[in-house]
Amino acid sequence: SLNTDVEFSDLYYGQAYATGDIKIYGPFDNISIDITATPGKQTKLYLPLTSGEDLAEQSYITFINGKALDTATAVENLEELKIVNFPQIIMNLEVTENAEVLVIFDETVGDLIKASGKGDLQFKVDRDGSFNMYGTYELRKGDYFFTLSGVFNKRFKIAPGGTITWNGNPYNAVLDINAIYSLKTSLYNLTGAEADKGRVNVECHLKMSGALMNPDITFDIIFPDLDANSSDVAWMFNTDEQINKQVFSLLVLGQFQPSGAGGVGLSGGVG
């Protein structure tokens, strides 16, 4: 089992309960550990993206007896301490929906993905302490807590089938995720027709793709109960600017911005 917090590692931490096989081999000062396991229920793995990469790139970090010391301290005690190599650890995980993965974009405002799914993942720690991940994690269910500059926070439901793919550095993962915020609102502001004063189901789709640390984000608006091709509002969503303006109006105000109006002043917020 794994039971660590953020002070243990800026790269990953959490609570893991797993069953599987462990193979330990090699001389005592050059040990290798191979693990094949399946996580059990109540497993949570946190992947913060705000500070770990900065730490990993600092040249003044020296690993002595498993602890990070600054250069001054390391030089002062170097002759008295024995430098110990990290054991090489290769952990192959067959991840099931028992485990929950939390990708934290911004810990201060709560911008994160919390999801469960399946996939074959490999965690590898080399003897120099470097950490790498490999494999594709397919999201089956979960939430994306979307935060805009700390002003508001909305929970989007993650559509099944999205993926996070790792091929080395955990921060170089590739996203392909669609998340949906659902609400009911009137089309009256768009059409001006009395018949459209009743509320209809509307979905704001947030699509994340590309690099994990700097994903491409696009929006779409779907009317699940209307025929989008024949709807008299379909023409109002022909450009990204129109879509973005209306998405943020729906998120902030819970209603559409009147067509032809100056907008809610938030369309640039997607940047």
C-alpha atoms as a PDB file:
ATOM      1  CA  SER A   1       0.000   0.000   0.000  1.00  0.00           C
ATOM      2  CA  LEU A   2       0.967   3.641  -0.506  1.00  0.00           C
ATOM      3  CA  ASN A   3      -0.009   6.325   1.998  1.00  0.00           C
ATOM      4  CA  THR A   4       1.770   9.620   1.349  1.00  0.00           C
ATOM      5  CA  ASP A   5       0.981  13.341   1.159  1.00  0.00           C
ATOM      6  CA  VAL A   6       2.315  16.267  -0.857  1.00  0.00           C
ATOM      7  CA  GLU A   7       5.334  16.616   1.453  1.00  0.00           C
ATOM      8  CA  PHE A   8       6.487  13.163   0.297  1.00  0.00           C
ATOM      9  CA  SER A   9       6.610  14.090  -3.388  1.00  0.00           C
ATOM     10  CA  ASP A  10       5.653  17.051  -5.582  1.00  0.00           C
ATOM     11  CA  LEU A  11       5.207  14.626  -8.480  1.00  0.00           C
ATOM     12  CA  TYR A  12       2.608  12.295  -7.014  1.00  0.00           C
ATOM     13  CA  TYR A  13       1.126  11.282  -3.686  1.00  0.00           C
ATOM     14  CA  GLY A  14      -1.953   9.590  -2.300  1.00  0.00           C
ATOM     15  CA  GLN A  15      -3.338   6.420  -0.811  1.00  0.00           C
ATOM     16  CA  ALA A  16      -3.101   3.159  -2.745  1.00  0.00           C
ATOM     17  CA  TYR A  17      -4.292  -0.320  -1.888  1.00  0.00           C
ATOM     18  CA  ALA A  18      -3.207  -2.961  -4.342  1.00  0.00           C
ATOM     19  CA  THR A  19      -2.699  -6.680  -4.822  1.00  0.00           C
ATOM     20  CA  GLY A  20      -0.040  -8.236  -7.018  1.00  0.00           C
ATOM     21  CA  ASP A  21       3.508  -9.528  -7.206  1.00  0.00           C
ATOM     22  CA  ILE A  22       6.745  -7.880  -6.061  1.00  0.00           C
ATOM     23  CA  LYS A  23      10.190  -9.038  -7.206  1.00  0.00           C
ATOM     24  CA  ILE A  24      13.261  -7.688  -5.376  1.00  0.00           C
ATOM     25  CA  TYR A  25      16.688  -8.577  -6.750  1.00  0.00           C
ATOM     26  CA  GLY A  26      20.297  -7.418  -7.051  1.00  0.00           C
ATOM     27  CA  PRO A  27      23.045  -6.506  -4.559  1.00  0.00           C
ATOM     28  CA  PHE A  28      21.987  -4.588  -1.473  1.00  0.00           C
ATOM     29  CA  ASP A  29      23.501  -1.300  -2.674  1.00  0.00           C
ATOM     30  CA  ASN A  30      22.063  -1.682  -6.208  1.00  0.00           C
ATOM     31  CA  ILE A  31      18.596  -3.119  -5.677  1.00  0.00           C
ATOM     32  CA  SER A  32      15.931  -3.429  -8.354  1.00  0.00           C
ATOM     33  CA  ILE A  33      12.237  -3.764  -7.560  1.00  0.00           C
ATOM     34  CA  ASP A  34       9.636  -4.934 -10.092  1.00  0.00           C
ATOM     35  CA  ILE A  35       5.967  -4.630  -9.158  1.00  0.00           C
ATOM     36  CA  THR A  36       2.902  -5.884 -11.016  1.00  0.00           C
ATOM     37  CA  ALA A  37      -0.316  -4.905  -9.288  1.00  0.00           C
ATOM     38  CA  THR A  38      -3.987  -4.003  -9.568  1.00  0.00           C
ATOM     39  CA  PRO A  39      -5.209  -1.112  -7.374  1.00  0.00           C
ATOM     40  CA  GLY A  40      -8.098  -1.888  -5.028  1.00  0.00           C
ATOM     41  CA  LYS A  41     -10.992   0.162  -3.727  1.00  0.00           C
ATOM     42  CA  GLN A  42     -10.396   3.536  -2.014  1.00  0.00           C
ATOM     43  CA  THR A  43      -7.202   4.104  -4.002  1.00  0.00           C
ATOM     44  CA  LYS A  44      -6.544   7.793  -4.730  1.00  0.00           C
ATOM     45  CA  LEU A  45      -3.571   9.090  -6.712  1.00  0.00           C
ATOM     46  CA  TYR A  46      -2.902  12.870  -6.802  1.00  0.00           C
ATOM     47  CA  LEU A  47      -0.868  14.403  -9.642  1.00  0.00           C
ATOM     48  CA  PRO A  48      -0.217  18.119  -8.877  1.00  0.00           C
ATOM     49  CA  LEU A  49       0.964  20.208 -11.835  1.00  0.00           C
ATOM     50  CA  THR A  50       1.905  23.444 -10.072  1.00  0.00           C
ATOM     51  CA  SER A  51       5.259  22.860  -8.394  1.00  0.00           C
ATOM     52  CA  GLY A  52       6.793  19.494  -9.119  1.00  0.00           C
ATOM     53  CA  GLU A  53       8.302  20.376 -12.471  1.00  0.00           C
ATOM     54  CA  ASP A  54      10.044  23.435 -11.029  1.00  0.00           C
ATOM     55  CA  LEU A  55      11.573  21.286  -8.324  1.00  0.00           C
ATOM     56  CA  ALA A  56      12.769  18.652 -10.753  1.00  0.00           C
ATOM     57  CA  GLU A  57      14.590  21.236 -12.865  1.00  0.00           C
ATOM     58  CA  GLN A  58      16.553  22.841 -10.028  1.00  0.00           C
ATOM     59  CA  SER A  59      20.220  21.953 -10.414  1.00  0.00           C
ATOM     60  CA  TYR A  60      21.039  22.654  -6.770  1.00  0.00           C
ATOM     61  CA  ILE A  61      18.964  19.727  -5.474  1.00  0.00           C
ATOM     62  CA  THR A  62      21.200  16.902  -4.231  1.00  0.00           C
ATOM     63  CA  PHE A  63      19.793  13.575  -3.095  1.00  0.00           C
ATOM     64  CA  ILE A  64      21.606  12.239  -0.059  1.00  0.00           C
ATOM     65  CA  ASN A  65      20.180   9.307   1.872  1.00  0.00           C
ATOM     66  CA  GLY A  66      16.897   9.891   0.108  1.00  0.00           C
ATOM     67  CA  LYS A  67      16.480  13.511   1.294  1.00  0.00           C
ATOM     68  CA  ALA A  68      16.794  16.694  -0.774  1.00  0.00           C
ATOM     69  CA  LEU A  69      19.354  19.119   0.624  1.00  0.00           C
ATOM     70  CA  ASP A  70      20.490  22.454  -0.773  1.00  0.00           C
ATOM     71  CA  THR A  71      24.029  22.799  -2.097  1.00  0.00           C
ATOM     72  CA  ALA A  72      25.463  24.527   0.977  1.00  0.00           C
ATOM     73  CA  THR A  73      24.237  21.836   3.327  1.00  0.00           C
ATOM     74  CA  ALA A  74      25.293  19.072   0.946  1.00  0.00           C
ATOM     75  CA  VAL A  75      28.860  20.372   0.624  1.00  0.00           C
ATOM     76  CA  GLU A  76      29.173  20.824   4.381  1.00  0.00           C
ATOM     77  CA  ASN A  77      28.128  17.264   5.116  1.00  0.00           C
ATOM     78  CA  LEU A  78      29.195  15.461   1.950  1.00  0.00           C
ATOM     79  CA  GLU A  79      32.298  13.836   3.462  1.00  0.00           C
ATOM     80  CA  GLU A  80      30.348  12.579   6.456  1.00  0.00           C
ATOM     81  CA  LEU A  81      27.420  11.117   4.539  1.00  0.00           C
ATOM     82  CA  LYS A  82      27.353   8.147   2.236  1.00  0.00           C
ATOM     83  CA  ILE A  83      25.482   8.794  -1.009  1.00  0.00           C
ATOM     84  CA  VAL A  84      23.026   5.960  -1.623  1.00  0.00           C
ATOM     85  CA  ASN A  85      21.638   5.175  -5.086  1.00  0.00           C
ATOM     86  CA  PHE A  86      17.893   5.033  -5.463  1.00  0.00           C
ATOM     87  CA  PRO A  87      16.589   1.541  -6.025  1.00  0.00           C
ATOM     88  CA  GLN A  88      15.343   1.058  -9.567  1.00  0.00           C
ATOM     89  CA  ILE A  89      11.583   0.608  -9.335  1.00  0.00           C
ATOM     90  CA  ILE A  90       9.366  -0.496 -12.199  1.00  0.00           C
ATOM     91  CA  MET A  91       5.684  -0.664 -11.269  1.00  0.00           C
ATOM     92  CA  ASN A  92       3.169  -1.984 -13.784  1.00  0.00           C
ATOM     93  CA  LEU A  93      -0.427  -1.184 -12.827  1.00  0.00           C
ATOM     94  CA  GLU A  94      -3.605  -2.533 -14.365  1.00  0.00           C
ATOM     95  CA  VAL A  95      -5.793   0.364 -13.271  1.00  0.00           C
ATOM     96  CA  THR A  96      -9.510  -0.283 -12.854  1.00  0.00           C
ATOM     97  CA  GLU A  97     -12.423   1.932 -11.830  1.00  0.00           C
ATOM     98  CA  ASN A  98     -11.631   1.081  -8.197  1.00  0.00           C
ATOM     99  CA  ALA A  99      -8.923   3.753  -8.325  1.00  0.00           C
ATOM    100  CA  GLU A 100      -9.510   7.500  -8.508  1.00  0.00           C
ATOM    101  CA  VAL A 101      -7.004   9.827 -10.181  1.00  0.00           C
ATOM    102  CA  LEU A 102      -6.913  13.556  -9.401  1.00  0.00           C
ATOM    103  CA  VAL A 103      -4.978  15.815 -11.789  1.00  0.00           C
ATOM    104  CA  ILE A 104      -4.557  19.155  -9.982  1.00  0.00           C
ATOM    105  CA  PHE A 105      -4.028  22.141 -12.307  1.00  0.00           C
ATOM    106  CA  ASP A 106      -4.176  24.799  -9.559  1.00  0.00           C
ATOM    107  CA  GLU A 107      -4.303  23.823  -5.890  1.00  0.00           C
ATOM    108  CA  THR A 108      -5.063  27.366  -4.697  1.00  0.00           C
ATOM    109  CA  VAL A 109      -8.392  27.711  -6.514  1.00  0.00           C
ATOM    110  CA  GLY A 110      -9.343  24.058  -6.915  1.00  0.00           C
ATOM    111  CA  ASP A 111      -8.941  23.659 -10.686  1.00  0.00           C
ATOM    112  CA  LEU A 112      -8.736  19.881 -11.119  1.00  0.00           C
ATOM    113  CA  ILE A 113      -9.849  16.693 -12.851  1.00  0.00           C
ATOM    114  CA  LYS A 114     -11.206  13.953 -10.602  1.00  0.00           C
ATOM    115  CA  ALA A 115     -11.932  10.764 -12.502  1.00  0.00           C
ATOM    116  CA  SER A 116     -11.891   6.999 -12.532  1.00  0.00           C
ATOM    117  CA  GLY A 117     -11.311   4.717 -15.469  1.00  0.00           C
ATOM    118  CA  LYS A 118      -9.047   1.990 -16.727  1.00  0.00           C
ATOM    119  CA  GLY A 119      -5.668   1.522 -18.347  1.00  0.00           C
ATOM    120  CA  ASP A 120      -2.285  -0.177 -18.166  1.00  0.00           C
ATOM    121  CA  LEU A 121       0.195   2.264 -16.627  1.00  0.00           C
ATOM    122  CA  GLN A 122       3.879   1.961 -15.799  1.00  0.00           C
ATOM    123  CA  PHE A 123       5.644   4.015 -13.121  1.00  0.00           C
ATOM    124  CA  LYS A 124       9.427   3.957 -13.335  1.00  0.00           C
ATOM    125  CA  VAL A 125      11.969   5.365 -10.871  1.00  0.00           C
ATOM    126  CA  ASP A 126      15.560   5.205 -12.147  1.00  0.00           C
ATOM    127  CA  ARG A 127      18.664   5.052  -9.980  1.00  0.00           C
ATOM    128  CA  ASP A 128      19.234   8.795 -10.354  1.00  0.00           C
ATOM    129  CA  GLY A 129      15.802   9.453  -8.805  1.00  0.00           C
ATOM    130  CA  SER A 130      14.099  10.478 -12.054  1.00  0.00           C
ATOM    131  CA  PHE A 131      10.440   9.518 -12.349  1.00  0.00           C
ATOM    132  CA  ASN A 132       8.636   8.576 -15.569  1.00  0.00           C
ATOM    133  CA  MET A 133       5.179   7.344 -16.506  1.00  0.00           C
ATOM    134  CA  TYR A 134       3.949   5.384 -19.517  1.00  0.00           C
ATOM    135  CA  GLY A 135       0.572   4.247 -20.777  1.00  0.00           C
ATOM    136  CA  THR A 136      -2.931   5.492 -21.562  1.00  0.00           C
ATOM    137  CA  TYR A 137      -5.595   6.085 -18.938  1.00  0.00           C
ATOM    138  CA  GLU A 138      -9.153   5.985 -20.304  1.00  0.00           C
ATOM    139  CA  LEU A 139     -11.601   8.046 -18.288  1.00  0.00           C
ATOM    140  CA  ARG A 140     -14.939   6.331 -17.669  1.00  0.00           C
ATOM    141  CA  LYS A 141     -16.527   8.868 -15.316  1.00  0.00           C
ATOM    142  CA  GLY A 142     -15.604  11.875 -13.249  1.00  0.00           C
ATOM    143  CA  ASP A 143     -15.633  15.647 -12.982  1.00  0.00           C
ATOM    144  CA  TYR A 144     -13.616  18.615 -14.166  1.00  0.00           C
ATOM    145  CA  PHE A 145     -13.832  21.547 -11.739  1.00  0.00           C
ATOM    146  CA  PHE A 146     -13.377  24.504 -14.072  1.00  0.00           C
ATOM    147  CA  THR A 147     -12.213  27.719 -12.397  1.00  0.00           C
ATOM    148  CA  LEU A 148     -11.882  31.110 -14.077  1.00  0.00           C
ATOM    149  CA  SER A 149      -9.350  33.330 -12.246  1.00  0.00           C
ATOM    150  CA  GLY A 150     -10.887  32.369  -8.906  1.00  0.00           C
ATOM    151  CA  VAL A 151     -14.095  34.229  -9.861  1.00  0.00           C
ATOM    152  CA  PHE A 152     -16.322  31.192 -10.230  1.00  0.00           C
ATOM    153  CA  ASN A 153     -16.075  27.410 -10.180  1.00  0.00           C
ATOM    154  CA  LYS A 154     -18.279  25.091 -12.215  1.00  0.00           C
ATOM    155  CA  ARG A 155     -18.366  21.318 -12.196  1.00  0.00           C
ATOM    156  CA  PHE A 156     -18.291  19.724 -15.640  1.00  0.00           C
ATOM    157  CA  LYS A 157     -19.104  16.025 -16.015  1.00  0.00           C
ATOM    158  CA  ILE A 158     -16.436  14.163 -17.952  1.00  0.00           C
ATOM    159  CA  ALA A 159     -17.768  12.276 -20.981  1.00  0.00           C
ATOM    160  CA  PRO A 160     -16.699   8.599 -21.092  1.00  0.00           C
ATOM    161  CA  GLY A 161     -13.903   7.758 -23.496  1.00  0.00           C
ATOM    162  CA  GLY A 162     -11.513  10.636 -22.791  1.00  0.00           C
ATOM    163  CA  THR A 163      -7.844   9.780 -22.367  1.00  0.00           C
ATOM    164  CA  ILE A 164      -4.647  10.906 -20.651  1.00  0.00           C
ATOM    165  CA  THR A 165      -1.512   9.437 -22.256  1.00  0.00           C
ATOM    166  CA  TRP A 166       1.971   9.392 -20.728  1.00  0.00           C
ATOM    167  CA  ASN A 167       5.204   8.585 -22.546  1.00  0.00           C
ATOM    168  CA  GLY A 168       7.948   9.570 -20.103  1.00  0.00           C
ATOM    169  CA  ASN A 169       7.924  12.832 -18.170  1.00  0.00           C
ATOM    170  CA  PRO A 170       4.593  12.987 -16.260  1.00  0.00           C
ATOM    171  CA  TYR A 171       4.214  16.660 -17.218  1.00  0.00           C
ATOM    172  CA  ASN A 172       4.408  15.861 -20.946  1.00  0.00           C
ATOM    173  CA  ALA A 173       1.193  13.844 -20.933  1.00  0.00           C
ATOM    174  CA  VAL A 174      -1.325  14.358 -23.737  1.00  0.00           C
ATOM    175  CA  LEU A 175      -5.009  15.068 -23.038  1.00  0.00           C
ATOM    176  CA  ASP A 176      -8.102  14.231 -25.083  1.00  0.00           C
ATOM    177  CA  ILE A 177     -11.063  15.013 -22.821  1.00  0.00           C
ATOM    178  CA  ASN A 178     -14.603  16.278 -23.291  1.00  0.00           C
ATOM    179  CA  ALA A 179     -16.435  17.645 -20.238  1.00  0.00           C
ATOM    180  CA  ILE A 180     -20.055  18.809 -20.089  1.00  0.00           C
ATOM    181  CA  TYR A 181     -21.868  21.409 -17.994  1.00  0.00           C
ATOM    182  CA  SER A 182     -25.648  20.956 -18.211  1.00  0.00           C
ATOM    183  CA  LEU A 183     -28.354  23.470 -17.367  1.00  0.00           C
ATOM    184  CA  LYS A 184     -31.854  24.555 -18.335  1.00  0.00           C
ATOM    185  CA  THR A 185     -32.457  28.027 -19.699  1.00  0.00           C
ATOM    186  CA  SER A 186     -34.654  29.999 -22.071  1.00  0.00           C
ATOM    187  CA  LEU A 187     -33.955  30.672 -25.744  1.00  0.00           C
ATOM    188  CA  TYR A 188     -35.905  33.941 -25.558  1.00  0.00           C
ATOM    189  CA  ASN A 189     -32.782  36.120 -25.370  1.00  0.00           C
ATOM    190  CA  LEU A 190     -31.623  34.584 -28.651  1.00  0.00           C
ATOM    191  CA  THR A 191     -34.855  34.567 -30.649  1.00  0.00           C
ATOM    192  CA  GLY A 192     -37.093  37.172 -28.995  1.00  0.00           C
ATOM    193  CA  ALA A 193     -40.021  34.824 -29.617  1.00  0.00           C
ATOM    194  CA  GLU A 194     -42.692  34.441 -26.934  1.00  0.00           C
ATOM    195  CA  ALA A 195     -42.809  30.710 -27.690  1.00  0.00           C
ATOM    196  CA  ASP A 196     -39.180  30.379 -26.555  1.00  0.00           C
ATOM    197  CA  LYS A 197     -39.666  31.721 -23.026  1.00  0.00           C
ATOM    198  CA  GLY A 198     -39.829  28.199 -21.647  1.00  0.00           C
ATOM    199  CA  ARG A 199     -36.615  26.557 -20.492  1.00  0.00           C
ATOM    200  CA  VAL A 200     -34.814  23.898 -22.552  1.00  0.00           C
ATOM    201  CA  ASN A 201     -31.861  21.623 -21.871  1.00  0.00           C
ATOM    202  CA  VAL A 202     -28.500  23.092 -22.856  1.00  0.00           C
ATOM    203  CA  GLU A 203     -25.031  21.555 -22.670  1.00  0.00           C
ATOM    204  CA  CYS A 204     -21.783  23.538 -22.563  1.00  0.00           C
ATOM    205  CA  HIS A 205     -19.002  21.283 -23.859  1.00  0.00           C
ATOM    206  CA  LEU A 206     -15.401  21.966 -22.829  1.00  0.00           C
ATOM    207  CA  LYS A 207     -12.855  20.093 -24.905  1.00  0.00           C
ATOM    208  CA  MET A 208      -9.255  19.756 -23.712  1.00  0.00           C
ATOM    209  CA  SER A 209      -6.593  18.400 -26.054  1.00  0.00           C
ATOM    210  CA  GLY A 210      -2.842  18.460 -26.470  1.00  0.00           C
ATOM    211  CA  ALA A 211      -0.160  18.989 -23.841  1.00  0.00           C
ATOM    212  CA  LEU A 212      -1.214  18.490 -20.239  1.00  0.00           C
ATOM    213  CA  MET A 213       0.658  21.579 -19.009  1.00  0.00           C
ATOM    214  CA  ASN A 214      -0.754  23.836 -21.740  1.00  0.00           C
ATOM    215  CA  PRO A 215      -3.831  22.215 -23.270  1.00  0.00           C
ATOM    216  CA  ASP A 216      -5.884  23.585 -26.123  1.00  0.00           C
ATOM    217  CA  ILE A 217      -9.354  24.449 -24.793  1.00  0.00           C
ATOM    218  CA  THR A 218     -12.377  24.850 -27.051  1.00  0.00           C
ATOM    219  CA  PHE A 219     -16.079  25.167 -26.279  1.00  0.00           C
ATOM    220  CA  ASP A 220     -19.281  24.105 -27.935  1.00  0.00           C
ATOM    221  CA  ILE A 221     -22.983  24.490 -27.167  1.00  0.00           C
ATOM    222  CA  ILE A 222     -25.313  21.539 -27.691  1.00  0.00           C
ATOM    223  CA  PHE A 223     -29.111  21.428 -27.497  1.00  0.00           C
ATOM    224  CA  PRO A 224     -29.774  17.725 -26.775  1.00  0.00           C
ATOM    225  CA  ASP A 225     -33.544  18.036 -27.264  1.00  0.00           C
ATOM    226  CA  LEU A 226     -33.441  20.155 -30.433  1.00  0.00           C
ATOM    227  CA  ASP A 227     -32.499  19.427 -34.020  1.00  0.00           C
ATOM    228  CA  ALA A 228     -29.392  21.608 -34.288  1.00  0.00           C
ATOM    229  CA  ASN A 229     -29.518  21.664 -38.082  1.00  0.00           C
ATOM    230  CA  SER A 230     -33.043  23.014 -38.298  1.00  0.00           C
ATOM    231  CA  SER A 231     -33.042  25.110 -35.130  1.00  0.00           C
ATOM    232  CA  ASP A 232     -33.511  28.839 -35.643  1.00  0.00           C
ATOM    233  CA  VAL A 233     -30.660  29.475 -33.173  1.00  0.00           C
ATOM    234  CA  ALA A 234     -28.004  27.328 -34.889  1.00  0.00           C
ATOM    235  CA  TRP A 235     -26.739  30.246 -37.007  1.00  0.00           C
ATOM    236  CA  MET A 236     -25.905  32.194 -33.851  1.00  0.00           C
ATOM    237  CA  PHE A 237     -23.036  29.802 -33.030  1.00  0.00           C
ATOM    238  CA  ASN A 238     -21.040  29.928 -36.253  1.00  0.00           C
ATOM    239  CA  THR A 239     -17.820  31.381 -34.788  1.00  0.00           C
ATOM    240  CA  ASP A 240     -15.633  30.657 -31.794  1.00  0.00           C
ATOM    241  CA  GLU A 241     -16.208  34.208 -30.553  1.00  0.00           C
ATOM    242  CA  GLN A 242     -19.978  33.719 -30.528  1.00  0.00           C
ATOM    243  CA  ILE A 243     -19.706  30.344 -28.814  1.00  0.00           C
ATOM    244  CA  ASN A 244     -17.242  31.575 -26.175  1.00  0.00           C
ATOM    245  CA  LYS A 245     -19.375  34.625 -25.384  1.00  0.00           C
ATOM    246  CA  GLN A 246     -22.488  32.525 -24.884  1.00  0.00           C
ATOM    247  CA  VAL A 247     -20.689  29.768 -22.923  1.00  0.00           C
ATOM    248  CA  PHE A 248     -19.391  32.251 -20.362  1.00  0.00           C
ATOM    249  CA  SER A 249     -22.780  33.925 -20.172  1.00  0.00           C
ATOM    250  CA  LEU A 250     -24.318  30.532 -19.406  1.00  0.00           C
ATOM    251  CA  LEU A 251     -21.647  29.736 -16.807  1.00  0.00           C
ATOM    252  CA  VAL A 252     -21.746  33.111 -15.061  1.00  0.00           C
ATOM    253  CA  LEU A 253     -25.362  34.208 -15.486  1.00  0.00           C
ATOM    254  CA  GLY A 254     -27.159  30.950 -16.248  1.00  0.00           C
ATOM    255  CA  GLN A 255     -28.710  32.420 -19.393  1.00  0.00           C
ATOM    256  CA  PHE A 256     -27.906  33.368 -22.968  1.00  0.00           C
ATOM    257  CA  GLN A 257     -26.624  36.812 -23.849  1.00  0.00           C
ATOM    258  CA  PRO A 258     -29.149  38.631 -26.074  1.00  0.00           C
ATOM    259  CA  SER A 259     -28.182  38.249 -29.728  1.00  0.00           C
ATOM    260  CA  GLY A 260     -26.635  41.356 -31.206  1.00  0.00           C
ATOM    261  CA  ALA A 261     -25.718  42.738 -27.762  1.00  0.00           C
ATOM    262  CA  GLY A 262     -22.240  43.833 -26.822  1.00  0.00           C
ATOM    263  CA  GLY A 263     -21.582  40.635 -24.901  1.00  0.00           C
ATOM    264  CA  VAL A 264     -20.781  39.866 -21.300  1.00  0.00           C
ATOM    265  CA  GLY A 265     -17.184  41.003 -21.627  1.00  0.00           C
ATOM    266  CA  LEU A 266     -15.828  37.557 -20.867  1.00  0.00           C
ATOM    267  CA  SER A 267     -15.269  36.064 -24.308  1.00  0.00           C
ATOM    268  CA  GLY A 268     -11.530  36.670 -24.005  1.00  0.00           C
ATOM    269  CA  GLY A 269     -11.433  34.774 -20.718  1.00  0.00           C
ATOM    270  CA  VAL A 270     -10.841  31.479 -22.494  1.00  0.00           C
ATOM    271  CA  GLY A 271      -7.277  32.695 -23.117  1.00  0.00           C
END
